N, C-alpha and C. Protein backbone atom coordinates (compact mmCIF):
# COMPACT_ATOMS: atom_id res chain seq x y z
N LYS A 1 42.84 -43.05 -6.90
CA LYS A 1 42.21 -43.16 -8.17
C LYS A 1 43.13 -43.22 -9.30
N ALA A 2 44.23 -42.81 -9.05
CA ALA A 2 45.28 -42.95 -10.15
C ALA A 2 45.72 -44.35 -10.35
N ALA A 3 45.69 -45.29 -9.29
CA ALA A 3 46.07 -46.62 -9.29
C ALA A 3 44.91 -47.47 -10.06
N ALA A 4 43.66 -46.85 -9.83
CA ALA A 4 42.47 -47.61 -10.52
C ALA A 4 42.67 -47.30 -11.91
N ALA A 5 43.00 -45.99 -12.25
CA ALA A 5 43.14 -45.64 -13.83
C ALA A 5 44.25 -46.45 -14.38
N ILE A 6 45.43 -46.82 -13.67
CA ILE A 6 46.35 -47.64 -14.25
C ILE A 6 45.84 -48.92 -14.37
N ALA A 7 45.08 -49.48 -13.56
CA ALA A 7 44.48 -50.84 -13.83
C ALA A 7 43.61 -50.89 -14.93
N ASN A 8 42.92 -49.85 -15.05
CA ASN A 8 41.88 -49.81 -16.23
C ASN A 8 42.64 -49.83 -17.51
N LEU A 9 43.70 -48.96 -17.43
CA LEU A 9 44.45 -48.78 -18.66
C LEU A 9 45.27 -49.99 -19.21
N CYS A 10 45.74 -50.78 -18.16
CA CYS A 10 46.42 -51.95 -18.35
C CYS A 10 45.68 -53.14 -18.55
N ALA A 11 44.54 -53.24 -18.51
CA ALA A 11 43.56 -54.29 -18.62
C ALA A 11 43.60 -54.99 -19.91
N GLU A 12 43.67 -54.25 -21.11
CA GLU A 12 43.59 -54.63 -22.32
C GLU A 12 44.79 -55.53 -22.69
N THR A 13 44.63 -56.69 -23.47
CA THR A 13 45.66 -57.64 -23.83
C THR A 13 46.40 -56.90 -24.79
N GLY A 14 47.80 -57.02 -24.68
CA GLY A 14 48.69 -56.32 -25.74
C GLY A 14 48.84 -55.06 -25.52
N SER A 15 48.40 -54.40 -24.26
CA SER A 15 48.35 -52.86 -23.97
C SER A 15 49.77 -52.30 -23.95
N ASP A 16 49.57 -51.17 -24.85
CA ASP A 16 50.82 -50.24 -24.93
C ASP A 16 51.12 -49.57 -23.56
N ALA A 17 50.03 -49.21 -22.81
CA ALA A 17 50.01 -48.52 -21.73
C ALA A 17 50.81 -49.49 -20.66
N ARG A 18 50.48 -50.67 -20.72
CA ARG A 18 51.14 -51.67 -19.85
C ARG A 18 52.68 -51.62 -19.92
N SER A 19 53.08 -51.57 -21.35
CA SER A 19 54.56 -51.45 -21.40
C SER A 19 55.20 -50.05 -20.85
N SER A 20 54.49 -49.14 -21.02
CA SER A 20 54.74 -47.76 -20.61
C SER A 20 55.05 -47.80 -18.99
N PHE A 21 53.98 -48.35 -18.38
CA PHE A 21 53.94 -48.25 -16.88
C PHE A 21 55.06 -49.20 -16.34
N LEU A 22 55.43 -50.39 -17.01
CA LEU A 22 56.29 -51.32 -16.67
C LEU A 22 57.82 -50.72 -16.81
N ASP A 23 57.82 -49.89 -17.60
CA ASP A 23 59.16 -49.12 -17.99
C ASP A 23 59.45 -47.99 -16.84
N SER A 24 58.34 -47.84 -16.21
CA SER A 24 58.48 -46.69 -15.23
C SER A 24 58.76 -47.09 -13.90
N ASP A 25 59.96 -47.11 -13.23
CA ASP A 25 60.16 -47.55 -12.08
C ASP A 25 59.45 -46.71 -10.94
N SER A 26 59.04 -45.42 -11.09
CA SER A 26 58.31 -44.65 -10.09
C SER A 26 56.84 -45.18 -10.09
N ALA A 27 56.40 -45.58 -11.18
CA ALA A 27 54.97 -46.18 -11.26
C ALA A 27 55.01 -47.40 -10.48
N LEU A 28 56.01 -48.34 -10.68
CA LEU A 28 55.83 -49.56 -9.81
C LEU A 28 56.07 -49.29 -8.34
N LEU A 29 57.05 -48.42 -8.14
CA LEU A 29 57.39 -48.07 -6.65
C LEU A 29 56.06 -47.46 -5.98
N GLY A 30 55.36 -46.61 -6.73
CA GLY A 30 54.27 -46.10 -6.35
C GLY A 30 52.92 -47.10 -6.03
N LEU A 31 52.93 -48.13 -6.84
CA LEU A 31 51.96 -49.03 -6.66
C LEU A 31 52.29 -49.96 -5.44
N HIS A 32 53.50 -50.23 -5.31
CA HIS A 32 53.90 -51.09 -4.21
C HIS A 32 53.91 -50.29 -2.90
N ARG A 33 53.99 -49.07 -2.89
CA ARG A 33 53.73 -48.24 -1.76
C ARG A 33 52.26 -48.25 -1.26
N LEU A 34 51.40 -48.13 -2.37
CA LEU A 34 49.97 -48.02 -2.06
C LEU A 34 49.52 -49.47 -1.62
N LEU A 35 50.18 -50.52 -2.01
CA LEU A 35 49.86 -51.94 -1.57
C LEU A 35 50.17 -52.08 0.00
N MET A 36 51.05 -51.24 0.45
CA MET A 36 51.31 -51.35 1.88
C MET A 36 50.51 -50.43 2.78
N SER A 37 49.63 -49.74 2.17
CA SER A 37 48.76 -48.81 2.81
C SER A 37 47.70 -49.40 3.68
N PRO A 38 47.41 -48.76 4.86
CA PRO A 38 46.36 -49.35 5.67
C PRO A 38 44.95 -49.10 5.06
N ASP A 39 44.84 -48.15 4.07
CA ASP A 39 43.58 -47.97 3.52
C ASP A 39 43.19 -48.97 2.51
N ALA A 40 42.02 -49.72 2.72
CA ALA A 40 41.52 -50.87 1.93
C ALA A 40 41.41 -50.55 0.44
N GLU A 41 40.95 -49.28 0.15
CA GLU A 41 40.71 -48.78 -1.20
C GLU A 41 42.08 -48.70 -1.89
N CYS A 42 42.99 -48.18 -1.28
CA CYS A 42 44.38 -48.11 -2.00
C CYS A 42 44.91 -49.36 -2.13
N CYS A 43 44.79 -50.39 -1.23
CA CYS A 43 45.22 -51.67 -1.55
C CYS A 43 44.54 -52.39 -2.63
N GLU A 44 43.36 -52.27 -2.67
CA GLU A 44 42.50 -52.77 -3.76
C GLU A 44 42.96 -52.34 -5.12
N SER A 45 43.11 -50.99 -5.23
CA SER A 45 43.37 -50.38 -6.46
C SER A 45 44.84 -50.86 -6.95
N ALA A 46 45.80 -51.03 -6.06
CA ALA A 46 47.15 -51.24 -6.19
C ALA A 46 47.29 -52.72 -6.65
N LEU A 47 46.42 -53.55 -6.09
CA LEU A 47 46.24 -55.11 -6.48
C LEU A 47 45.71 -55.16 -7.85
N ALA A 48 44.78 -54.34 -8.21
CA ALA A 48 44.16 -54.39 -9.51
C ALA A 48 45.20 -53.94 -10.63
N ALA A 49 45.78 -52.91 -10.26
CA ALA A 49 46.86 -52.52 -11.28
C ALA A 49 48.06 -53.44 -11.45
N LEU A 50 48.61 -53.87 -10.29
CA LEU A 50 49.65 -55.00 -10.47
C LEU A 50 49.41 -56.19 -11.10
N GLY A 51 48.01 -56.51 -10.74
CA GLY A 51 47.61 -57.80 -11.37
C GLY A 51 47.38 -57.61 -12.81
N ASN A 52 47.02 -56.35 -13.43
CA ASN A 52 46.89 -56.20 -14.74
C ASN A 52 48.21 -56.10 -15.51
N LEU A 53 49.11 -55.37 -14.74
CA LEU A 53 50.46 -55.27 -15.11
C LEU A 53 51.17 -56.78 -15.29
N ALA A 54 50.75 -57.63 -14.58
CA ALA A 54 51.37 -59.05 -14.66
C ALA A 54 50.65 -59.79 -15.65
N LEU A 55 49.88 -59.38 -16.49
CA LEU A 55 49.16 -60.37 -17.35
C LEU A 55 50.05 -60.73 -18.57
N ASP A 56 51.23 -60.40 -18.64
CA ASP A 56 52.04 -61.04 -19.55
C ASP A 56 53.32 -61.45 -18.89
N GLY A 57 54.03 -62.30 -19.42
CA GLY A 57 55.30 -62.72 -18.82
C GLY A 57 56.41 -61.75 -18.44
N HIS A 58 56.58 -60.85 -19.23
CA HIS A 58 57.61 -59.75 -18.82
C HIS A 58 57.08 -58.95 -17.75
N GLY A 59 55.82 -58.49 -17.86
CA GLY A 59 55.28 -57.81 -16.68
C GLY A 59 55.12 -58.57 -15.36
N ALA A 60 54.94 -59.84 -15.44
CA ALA A 60 54.79 -60.54 -14.22
C ALA A 60 56.30 -60.86 -13.59
N GLY A 61 57.30 -60.88 -14.42
CA GLY A 61 58.55 -61.06 -13.94
C GLY A 61 59.09 -59.65 -13.22
N LEU A 62 58.67 -58.59 -13.74
CA LEU A 62 59.04 -57.28 -13.13
C LEU A 62 58.07 -56.99 -11.93
N VAL A 63 56.82 -57.35 -11.86
CA VAL A 63 56.01 -57.14 -10.73
C VAL A 63 56.50 -58.09 -9.64
N ALA A 64 56.76 -59.40 -9.81
CA ALA A 64 57.04 -60.19 -8.91
C ALA A 64 58.52 -59.93 -8.28
N GLY A 65 59.38 -59.55 -8.96
CA GLY A 65 60.73 -59.22 -8.53
C GLY A 65 60.75 -58.17 -7.59
N SER A 66 59.71 -57.33 -7.37
CA SER A 66 59.91 -56.24 -6.49
C SER A 66 58.61 -56.28 -5.54
N LEU A 67 57.87 -57.41 -5.57
CA LEU A 67 56.66 -57.46 -4.80
C LEU A 67 56.81 -57.82 -3.41
N HIS A 68 55.80 -57.41 -2.49
CA HIS A 68 55.96 -57.57 -1.17
C HIS A 68 54.88 -58.92 -1.08
N VAL A 69 55.60 -60.11 -1.29
CA VAL A 69 54.74 -61.15 -1.36
C VAL A 69 54.00 -61.42 -0.02
N ASP A 70 54.66 -61.20 1.08
CA ASP A 70 54.04 -61.47 2.53
C ASP A 70 52.66 -60.62 2.48
N ARG A 71 52.70 -59.47 2.01
CA ARG A 71 51.68 -58.45 2.17
C ARG A 71 50.49 -59.10 1.15
N VAL A 72 50.92 -59.53 0.11
CA VAL A 72 49.79 -60.05 -0.92
C VAL A 72 49.14 -61.32 -0.44
N VAL A 73 49.87 -62.20 0.20
CA VAL A 73 49.42 -63.54 0.98
C VAL A 73 48.62 -63.06 1.86
N ASN A 74 48.92 -62.28 2.90
CA ASN A 74 48.21 -61.83 3.89
C ASN A 74 46.82 -61.27 3.47
N LEU A 75 46.70 -60.52 2.29
CA LEU A 75 45.49 -59.92 1.75
C LEU A 75 44.65 -61.00 1.06
N MET A 76 45.32 -62.06 0.70
CA MET A 76 44.49 -63.17 0.11
C MET A 76 43.76 -63.75 1.20
N GLY A 77 44.36 -63.98 2.40
CA GLY A 77 43.62 -64.64 3.46
C GLY A 77 42.73 -63.76 4.33
N ALA A 78 43.22 -62.57 4.43
CA ALA A 78 42.37 -61.71 5.34
C ALA A 78 42.26 -60.34 5.04
N GLY A 79 42.20 -60.08 3.73
CA GLY A 79 42.13 -58.76 3.26
C GLY A 79 40.69 -58.02 3.21
N GLY A 80 39.65 -59.10 3.23
CA GLY A 80 38.20 -58.68 3.14
C GLY A 80 37.90 -58.23 1.77
N GLY A 81 36.94 -58.94 1.25
CA GLY A 81 36.09 -58.43 -0.09
C GLY A 81 37.03 -58.37 -1.26
N LYS A 82 37.07 -57.13 -1.87
CA LYS A 82 37.81 -57.10 -3.06
C LYS A 82 39.45 -57.29 -2.94
N ALA A 83 39.87 -56.95 -1.75
CA ALA A 83 41.28 -57.08 -1.63
C ALA A 83 41.71 -58.47 -1.65
N GLU A 84 40.83 -59.48 -1.04
CA GLU A 84 41.07 -60.88 -1.12
C GLU A 84 41.18 -61.27 -2.50
N LEU A 85 40.01 -60.89 -3.27
CA LEU A 85 39.84 -61.47 -4.68
C LEU A 85 40.98 -60.87 -5.52
N ARG A 86 41.27 -59.77 -5.53
CA ARG A 86 42.37 -59.11 -6.23
C ARG A 86 43.77 -59.59 -5.86
N ALA A 87 44.06 -59.84 -4.66
CA ALA A 87 45.36 -60.46 -4.26
C ALA A 87 45.49 -61.87 -4.93
N THR A 88 44.33 -62.69 -4.84
CA THR A 88 44.36 -63.91 -5.47
C THR A 88 44.61 -63.86 -6.93
N GLY A 89 43.90 -62.89 -7.53
CA GLY A 89 43.95 -62.62 -8.89
C GLY A 89 45.53 -62.44 -9.35
N LEU A 90 46.16 -61.61 -8.60
CA LEU A 90 47.48 -61.18 -8.79
C LEU A 90 48.31 -62.43 -8.76
N ILE A 91 48.27 -63.22 -7.66
CA ILE A 91 49.03 -64.39 -7.61
C ILE A 91 48.79 -65.46 -8.89
N ARG A 92 47.43 -65.38 -9.15
CA ARG A 92 47.09 -66.37 -10.40
C ARG A 92 47.98 -65.71 -11.62
N ASN A 93 47.88 -64.44 -11.92
CA ASN A 93 48.56 -63.93 -13.04
C ASN A 93 50.03 -64.13 -12.90
N LEU A 94 50.60 -63.95 -11.76
CA LEU A 94 51.96 -64.13 -11.56
C LEU A 94 52.42 -65.55 -11.83
N LEU A 95 51.73 -66.63 -11.46
CA LEU A 95 52.00 -67.91 -11.58
C LEU A 95 52.02 -68.37 -13.01
N ARG A 96 51.29 -67.58 -13.88
CA ARG A 96 51.41 -67.90 -15.34
C ARG A 96 52.79 -67.75 -15.96
N SER A 97 53.60 -67.04 -15.34
CA SER A 97 54.95 -66.73 -15.82
C SER A 97 56.00 -67.47 -15.29
N HIS A 98 56.94 -68.05 -16.05
CA HIS A 98 58.04 -68.78 -15.59
C HIS A 98 59.02 -68.09 -14.87
N ARG A 99 58.90 -66.69 -14.99
CA ARG A 99 59.93 -65.71 -14.36
C ARG A 99 59.49 -65.65 -13.08
N ALA A 100 58.08 -65.54 -12.67
CA ALA A 100 57.60 -65.23 -11.34
C ALA A 100 57.41 -66.68 -10.48
N VAL A 101 57.40 -67.85 -11.08
CA VAL A 101 57.11 -69.07 -10.31
C VAL A 101 58.19 -69.08 -9.32
N PRO A 102 59.36 -69.19 -9.68
CA PRO A 102 60.57 -69.43 -8.64
C PRO A 102 60.38 -68.61 -7.59
N ILE A 103 60.17 -67.28 -7.80
CA ILE A 103 59.96 -66.20 -6.61
C ILE A 103 58.83 -66.56 -5.63
N LEU A 104 57.69 -67.07 -6.27
CA LEU A 104 56.45 -67.40 -5.33
C LEU A 104 56.56 -68.87 -4.78
N GLN A 105 57.31 -69.57 -5.34
CA GLN A 105 57.40 -71.15 -4.83
C GLN A 105 57.99 -71.20 -3.50
N GLY A 106 59.00 -70.41 -3.35
CA GLY A 106 59.60 -70.44 -2.08
C GLY A 106 58.90 -69.82 -0.90
N HIS A 107 57.68 -69.10 -1.13
CA HIS A 107 56.88 -68.36 -0.09
C HIS A 107 56.26 -69.36 0.86
N PRO A 108 56.61 -69.55 2.16
CA PRO A 108 56.18 -70.43 3.12
C PRO A 108 54.47 -70.53 3.13
N ALA A 109 53.83 -69.34 3.09
CA ALA A 109 52.56 -69.24 3.60
C ALA A 109 51.55 -69.20 2.38
N LEU A 110 52.12 -69.24 1.04
CA LEU A 110 51.35 -69.12 -0.11
C LEU A 110 50.49 -70.46 -0.24
N HIS A 111 51.26 -71.48 -0.10
CA HIS A 111 50.64 -72.83 -0.35
C HIS A 111 49.44 -73.09 0.57
N ALA A 112 49.75 -72.74 1.77
CA ALA A 112 48.63 -72.87 2.91
C ALA A 112 47.53 -71.98 2.61
N THR A 113 47.70 -70.79 2.30
CA THR A 113 46.73 -70.03 1.99
C THR A 113 45.82 -70.32 0.90
N LEU A 114 46.55 -70.76 -0.37
CA LEU A 114 45.67 -71.16 -1.46
C LEU A 114 44.84 -72.40 -1.06
N VAL A 115 45.40 -73.37 -0.20
CA VAL A 115 44.62 -74.46 0.22
C VAL A 115 43.54 -74.15 1.05
N ASN A 116 43.63 -73.13 1.91
CA ASN A 116 42.50 -72.63 2.71
C ASN A 116 41.52 -72.06 1.81
N ILE A 117 41.81 -71.23 0.95
CA ILE A 117 40.92 -70.64 0.03
C ILE A 117 40.01 -71.70 -0.81
N VAL A 118 40.88 -72.66 -1.37
CA VAL A 118 40.08 -73.57 -2.22
C VAL A 118 39.10 -74.49 -1.25
N SER A 119 39.58 -74.74 -0.09
CA SER A 119 38.69 -75.48 0.81
C SER A 119 37.54 -74.96 1.53
N SER A 120 37.53 -73.55 1.34
CA SER A 120 36.48 -72.68 1.96
C SER A 120 35.33 -72.61 1.03
N SER A 121 34.18 -73.06 1.41
CA SER A 121 32.98 -73.17 0.42
C SER A 121 32.47 -71.84 0.41
N SER A 122 32.80 -70.83 1.43
CA SER A 122 32.11 -69.61 1.42
C SER A 122 32.92 -68.58 0.75
N SER A 123 34.29 -69.01 0.09
CA SER A 123 35.13 -67.96 -0.54
C SER A 123 34.59 -67.86 -1.78
N SER A 124 34.37 -66.59 -2.25
CA SER A 124 34.08 -66.31 -3.60
C SER A 124 35.25 -66.33 -4.62
N HIS A 125 36.45 -66.29 -4.15
CA HIS A 125 37.54 -66.41 -4.92
C HIS A 125 38.25 -67.80 -5.00
N ALA A 126 37.54 -68.81 -4.55
CA ALA A 126 38.02 -70.07 -4.64
C ALA A 126 38.20 -70.79 -5.96
N ARG A 127 37.34 -70.29 -6.78
CA ARG A 127 37.45 -70.83 -8.27
C ARG A 127 38.54 -70.46 -8.90
C-alpha cells in the first residue's frame, strides 16, 4: 500500500512529493525491490509509483538509471492486466526524457515488445 500511496502523491504535475521521493535512495531501492516481487499487486504499485516519479526529465533519468529494464519489458508483454498497462506507461514516461532514452534504446527486447503491443488489436495498452 505504501507504493500505491507514493504513486498517488507523485501523480500531480510539479509535485513537491515527487522531488522528495527522488532524493530518497531508500524509497527508490524499495520500489525497485517491489518491482521484482512475484506478487502482482506489488509490481503494479511499484510500476505506478516509478511511472509517476518519471513524469519529469530529472525523475526519468534517476528512475531509468537504476531500473531493471528486463523486468519492465517482461511485464509489458506478459505481466497481465494492470501490470502490462503500468509497465508500458512507465516506458512511455521514460522515453520522454533525453536522459532515459539512451538507456532504453540499447535494450534488445524493448523494440520487439512495443511492436507486438501495437500490432495486437486485443491489447488495451496499444494506444
